[in-house]
């Protein structure tokens, strides 16, 4: 396999499992919606906010997988962890504050032709925490038991071993 082979993207276990953790968090929102409100509402899959934070699951899952693969003392793990903290702080702080501001603006007398602002922009601290814990809970077992998507495809016989 040459260094520029497009298949190398599928050899990236931390990326794949971080994205898988994000997907699991998004799917969990369907279950939470069903339990909390008694309704099946697939629209939660494309909405921002909600329990659990899929962004938190993505960044913590990716950071944990990088740490496991490259070492928890590596500079890349330090960078991934720093990005994860910024994303989670932003979700529970800045984006949450923007949602609160949108609620207040929506309470003002409406101007003609303007749609109400979206208010569910951020997450509560609990939503961020649950997403942040979900990330490594999905990514680490996936990385350890399955490996990368490329390794899985090779084990299943879909691809020959690449030289």
C-alpha atoms as a PDB file:
ATOM      1  CA  UNK A   1       0.000   0.000   0.000  1.00  0.00           C
ATOM      2  CA  UNK A   2       1.470   3.345  -1.008  1.00  0.00           C
ATOM      3  CA  UNK A   3       1.479   6.250   1.473  1.00  0.00           C
ATOM      4  CA  UNK A   4      -1.121   8.031  -0.689  1.00  0.00           C
ATOM      5  CA  UNK A   5      -3.510   5.072  -0.933  1.00  0.00           C
ATOM      6  CA  UNK A   6      -7.094   6.091  -0.158  1.00  0.00           C
ATOM      7  CA  UNK A   7      -7.445   2.848   1.833  1.00  0.00           C
ATOM      8  CA  UNK A   8      -5.157   4.308   4.501  1.00  0.00           C
ATOM      9  CA  UNK A   9      -8.064   6.406   5.725  1.00  0.00           C
ATOM     10  CA  UNK A  10      -9.799   3.163   6.691  1.00  0.00           C
ATOM     11  CA  UNK A  11      -6.720   2.086   8.646  1.00  0.00           C
ATOM     12  CA  UNK A  12      -7.266   4.982  11.066  1.00  0.00           C
ATOM     13  CA  UNK A  13      -8.876   3.269  14.060  1.00  0.00           C
ATOM     14  CA  UNK A  14      -9.075   6.351  16.310  1.00  0.00           C
ATOM     15  CA  UNK A  15     -10.959   8.310  13.650  1.00  0.00           C
ATOM     16  CA  UNK A  16     -13.327   5.446  12.899  1.00  0.00           C
ATOM     17  CA  UNK A  17     -14.103   4.732  16.551  1.00  0.00           C
ATOM     18  CA  UNK A  18     -14.465   8.404  17.435  1.00  0.00           C
ATOM     19  CA  UNK A  19     -17.034   8.699  14.652  1.00  0.00           C
ATOM     20  CA  UNK A  20     -18.712   5.492  15.847  1.00  0.00           C
ATOM     21  CA  UNK A  21     -18.999   6.975  19.357  1.00  0.00           C
ATOM     22  CA  UNK A  22     -20.587  10.082  17.841  1.00  0.00           C
ATOM     23  CA  UNK A  23     -23.056   7.891  15.965  1.00  0.00           C
ATOM     24  CA  UNK A  24     -23.924   5.890  19.085  1.00  0.00           C
ATOM     25  CA  UNK A  25     -24.561   9.154  20.967  1.00  0.00           C
ATOM     26  CA  UNK A  26     -26.836  10.415  18.180  1.00  0.00           C
ATOM     27  CA  UNK A  27     -28.786   7.143  18.164  1.00  0.00           C
ATOM     28  CA  UNK A  28     -29.054   7.294  21.961  1.00  0.00           C
ATOM     29  CA  UNK A  29     -30.906  10.593  21.540  1.00  0.00           C
ATOM     30  CA  UNK A  30     -33.737   8.657  19.869  1.00  0.00           C
ATOM     31  CA  UNK A  31     -34.010   6.379  22.905  1.00  0.00           C
ATOM     32  CA  UNK A  32     -33.831   9.303  25.340  1.00  0.00           C
ATOM     33  CA  UNK A  33     -36.587  11.081  23.403  1.00  0.00           C
ATOM     34  CA  UNK A  34     -38.732   7.951  23.495  1.00  0.00           C
ATOM     35  CA  UNK A  35     -38.227   7.404  27.242  1.00  0.00           C
ATOM     36  CA  UNK A  36     -38.543  11.060  28.301  1.00  0.00           C
ATOM     37  CA  UNK A  37     -41.367  12.176  26.024  1.00  0.00           C
ATOM     38  CA  UNK A  38     -42.950   8.914  24.873  1.00  0.00           C
ATOM     39  CA  UNK A  39     -42.538   9.724  21.202  1.00  0.00           C
ATOM     40  CA  UNK A  40     -40.450   8.467  18.308  1.00  0.00           C
ATOM     41  CA  UNK A  41     -38.932  11.576  16.737  1.00  0.00           C
ATOM     42  CA  UNK A  42     -36.108  10.863  14.254  1.00  0.00           C
ATOM     43  CA  UNK A  43     -35.555  14.622  13.845  1.00  0.00           C
ATOM     44  CA  UNK A  44     -33.396  14.500  17.004  1.00  0.00           C
ATOM     45  CA  UNK A  45     -30.742  12.813  14.854  1.00  0.00           C
ATOM     46  CA  UNK A  46     -30.011  16.074  13.044  1.00  0.00           C
ATOM     47  CA  UNK A  47     -30.703  18.563  15.837  1.00  0.00           C
ATOM     48  CA  UNK A  48     -28.094  20.180  18.047  1.00  0.00           C
ATOM     49  CA  UNK A  49     -28.172  19.747  21.805  1.00  0.00           C
ATOM     50  CA  UNK A  50     -29.785  16.959  23.759  1.00  0.00           C
ATOM     51  CA  UNK A  51     -28.708  13.953  25.783  1.00  0.00           C
ATOM     52  CA  UNK A  52     -25.977  12.804  25.309  1.00  0.00           C
ATOM     53  CA  UNK A  53     -23.606  15.232  23.616  1.00  0.00           C
ATOM     54  CA  UNK A  54     -22.409  13.573  20.421  1.00  0.00           C
ATOM     55  CA  UNK A  55     -19.647  16.152  19.997  1.00  0.00           C
ATOM     56  CA  UNK A  56     -18.291  15.204  23.425  1.00  0.00           C
ATOM     57  CA  UNK A  57     -18.479  11.508  22.526  1.00  0.00           C
ATOM     58  CA  UNK A  58     -16.621  12.178  19.272  1.00  0.00           C
ATOM     59  CA  UNK A  59     -13.726  14.105  20.768  1.00  0.00           C
ATOM     60  CA  UNK A  60     -13.269  11.988  23.910  1.00  0.00           C
ATOM     61  CA  UNK A  61     -13.541   8.745  21.948  1.00  0.00           C
ATOM     62  CA  UNK A  62     -10.979   9.919  19.423  1.00  0.00           C
ATOM     63  CA  UNK A  63      -8.635  11.237  22.132  1.00  0.00           C
ATOM     64  CA  UNK A  64      -8.859   8.008  24.142  1.00  0.00           C
ATOM     65  CA  UNK A  65      -8.159   5.887  21.052  1.00  0.00           C
ATOM     66  CA  UNK A  66      -5.177   8.093  20.128  1.00  0.00           C
ATOM     67  CA  UNK A  67      -3.865   7.764  23.677  1.00  0.00           C
ATOM     68  CA  UNK A  68      -4.225   3.987  23.595  1.00  0.00           C
ATOM     69  CA  UNK A  69      -2.599   3.679  20.182  1.00  0.00           C
ATOM     70  CA  UNK A  70       0.177   6.271  20.451  1.00  0.00           C
ATOM     71  CA  UNK A  71       0.660   6.461  24.202  1.00  0.00           C
ATOM     72  CA  UNK A  72      -0.981   8.611  26.821  1.00  0.00           C
ATOM     73  CA  UNK A  73       2.295  10.508  27.088  1.00  0.00           C
ATOM     74  CA  UNK A  74       2.364  11.432  23.370  1.00  0.00           C
ATOM     75  CA  UNK A  75       2.082  14.973  22.096  1.00  0.00           C
ATOM     76  CA  UNK A  76      -0.773  13.915  19.804  1.00  0.00           C
ATOM     77  CA  UNK A  77      -2.800  12.662  22.791  1.00  0.00           C
ATOM     78  CA  UNK A  78      -2.124  15.976  24.551  1.00  0.00           C
ATOM     79  CA  UNK A  79      -3.419  17.859  21.508  1.00  0.00           C
ATOM     80  CA  UNK A  80      -6.497  15.632  21.156  1.00  0.00           C
ATOM     81  CA  UNK A  81      -7.292  16.005  24.859  1.00  0.00           C
ATOM     82  CA  UNK A  82      -6.934  19.778  24.690  1.00  0.00           C
ATOM     83  CA  UNK A  83      -9.284  19.956  21.713  1.00  0.00           C
ATOM     84  CA  UNK A  84     -11.744  17.703  23.587  1.00  0.00           C
ATOM     85  CA  UNK A  85     -11.756  20.012  26.611  1.00  0.00           C
ATOM     86  CA  UNK A  86     -12.326  23.071  24.406  1.00  0.00           C
ATOM     87  CA  UNK A  87     -15.206  21.405  22.542  1.00  0.00           C
ATOM     88  CA  UNK A  88     -16.872  20.266  25.773  1.00  0.00           C
ATOM     89  CA  UNK A  89     -16.398  23.641  27.465  1.00  0.00           C
ATOM     90  CA  UNK A  90     -17.855  25.367  24.418  1.00  0.00           C
ATOM     91  CA  UNK A  91     -20.864  23.010  24.295  1.00  0.00           C
ATOM     92  CA  UNK A  92     -21.761  23.562  27.954  1.00  0.00           C
ATOM     93  CA  UNK A  93     -20.749  27.216  28.100  1.00  0.00           C
ATOM     94  CA  UNK A  94     -20.725  29.377  25.003  1.00  0.00           C
ATOM     95  CA  UNK A  95     -23.293  27.452  22.924  1.00  0.00           C
ATOM     96  CA  UNK A  96     -25.573  27.045  25.945  1.00  0.00           C
ATOM     97  CA  UNK A  97     -25.389  30.797  26.599  1.00  0.00           C
ATOM     98  CA  UNK A  98     -26.230  31.490  22.943  1.00  0.00           C
ATOM     99  CA  UNK A  99     -29.334  29.315  23.307  1.00  0.00           C
ATOM    100  CA  UNK A 100     -30.400  31.206  26.421  1.00  0.00           C
ATOM    101  CA  UNK A 101     -29.924  34.491  24.581  1.00  0.00           C
ATOM    102  CA  UNK A 102     -32.034  33.179  21.682  1.00  0.00           C
ATOM    103  CA  UNK A 103     -34.848  32.319  24.144  1.00  0.00           C
ATOM    104  CA  UNK A 104     -34.807  35.885  25.444  1.00  0.00           C
ATOM    105  CA  UNK A 105     -34.777  37.391  21.973  1.00  0.00           C
ATOM    106  CA  UNK A 106     -37.659  35.143  20.919  1.00  0.00           C
ATOM    107  CA  UNK A 107     -39.675  36.474  23.886  1.00  0.00           C
ATOM    108  CA  UNK A 108     -39.510  40.002  22.474  1.00  0.00           C
ATOM    109  CA  UNK A 109     -42.305  41.189  20.188  1.00  0.00           C
ATOM    110  CA  UNK A 110     -41.815  39.481  16.835  1.00  0.00           C
ATOM    111  CA  UNK A 111     -40.676  41.413  13.813  1.00  0.00           C
ATOM    112  CA  UNK A 112     -42.587  40.644  10.669  1.00  0.00           C
ATOM    113  CA  UNK A 113     -40.983  38.025   8.441  1.00  0.00           C
ATOM    114  CA  UNK A 114     -38.449  36.848  11.010  1.00  0.00           C
ATOM    115  CA  UNK A 115     -38.546  33.244  12.167  1.00  0.00           C
ATOM    116  CA  UNK A 116     -37.838  32.528  15.837  1.00  0.00           C
ATOM    117  CA  UNK A 117     -34.228  31.760  16.665  1.00  0.00           C
ATOM    118  CA  UNK A 118     -33.185  28.198  17.454  1.00  0.00           C
ATOM    119  CA  UNK A 119     -32.779  27.841  21.217  1.00  0.00           C
ATOM    120  CA  UNK A 120     -31.400  24.299  21.578  1.00  0.00           C
ATOM    121  CA  UNK A 121     -27.796  25.058  20.686  1.00  0.00           C
ATOM    122  CA  UNK A 122     -25.729  23.750  23.567  1.00  0.00           C
ATOM    123  CA  UNK A 123     -25.765  21.141  26.266  1.00  0.00           C
ATOM    124  CA  UNK A 124     -26.175  20.931  30.005  1.00  0.00           C
ATOM    125  CA  UNK A 125     -23.119  19.824  31.953  1.00  0.00           C
ATOM    126  CA  UNK A 126     -24.725  16.415  32.465  1.00  0.00           C
ATOM    127  CA  UNK A 127     -25.265  15.961  28.713  1.00  0.00           C
ATOM    128  CA  UNK A 128     -21.609  16.844  28.093  1.00  0.00           C
ATOM    129  CA  UNK A 129     -20.442  14.526  30.871  1.00  0.00           C
ATOM    130  CA  UNK A 130     -22.469  11.570  29.588  1.00  0.00           C
ATOM    131  CA  UNK A 131     -21.238  12.149  26.035  1.00  0.00           C
ATOM    132  CA  UNK A 132     -17.680  12.516  27.307  1.00  0.00           C
ATOM    133  CA  UNK A 133     -17.901   9.166  29.098  1.00  0.00           C
ATOM    134  CA  UNK A 134     -19.668   7.451  26.207  1.00  0.00           C
ATOM    135  CA  UNK A 135     -16.832   8.275  23.771  1.00  0.00           C
ATOM    136  CA  UNK A 136     -14.122   6.135  25.390  1.00  0.00           C
ATOM    137  CA  UNK A 137     -16.697   3.450  26.319  1.00  0.00           C
ATOM    138  CA  UNK A 138     -17.366   2.951  22.600  1.00  0.00           C
ATOM    139  CA  UNK A 139     -13.948   3.738  21.108  1.00  0.00           C
ATOM    140  CA  UNK A 140     -11.600   1.753  23.339  1.00  0.00           C
ATOM    141  CA  UNK A 141     -13.366  -1.624  23.152  1.00  0.00           C
ATOM    142  CA  UNK A 142     -13.871  -1.091  19.418  1.00  0.00           C
ATOM    143  CA  UNK A 143     -10.219  -0.341  18.857  1.00  0.00           C
ATOM    144  CA  UNK A 144      -9.061  -3.233  21.038  1.00  0.00           C
ATOM    145  CA  UNK A 145     -11.525  -5.880  19.851  1.00  0.00           C
ATOM    146  CA  UNK A 146     -12.080  -4.917  16.210  1.00  0.00           C
ATOM    147  CA  UNK A 147      -9.249  -2.585  15.203  1.00  0.00           C
ATOM    148  CA  UNK A 148      -9.660  -0.279  12.256  1.00  0.00           C
ATOM    149  CA  UNK A 149     -12.291  -0.638   9.524  1.00  0.00           C
ATOM    150  CA  UNK A 150      -9.513  -1.833   7.201  1.00  0.00           C
ATOM    151  CA  UNK A 151      -8.518  -4.591   9.654  1.00  0.00           C
ATOM    152  CA  UNK A 152     -12.156  -5.614  10.020  1.00  0.00           C
ATOM    153  CA  UNK A 153     -12.619  -5.804   6.235  1.00  0.00           C
ATOM    154  CA  UNK A 154      -9.493  -7.956   5.960  1.00  0.00           C
ATOM    155  CA  UNK A 155     -10.648 -10.304   8.759  1.00  0.00           C
ATOM    156  CA  UNK A 156     -14.037 -10.707   7.095  1.00  0.00           C
ATOM    157  CA  UNK A 157     -12.320 -11.549   3.795  1.00  0.00           C
ATOM    158  CA  UNK A 158     -13.634  -8.477   2.015  1.00  0.00           C
ATOM    159  CA  UNK A 159     -10.083  -7.274   1.313  1.00  0.00           C
ATOM    160  CA  UNK A 160      -6.833  -9.179   0.967  1.00  0.00           C
ATOM    161  CA  UNK A 161      -3.983  -8.274   3.327  1.00  0.00           C
ATOM    162  CA  UNK A 162      -2.267  -5.188   1.946  1.00  0.00           C
ATOM    163  CA  UNK A 163       1.478  -5.209   1.531  1.00  0.00           C
END
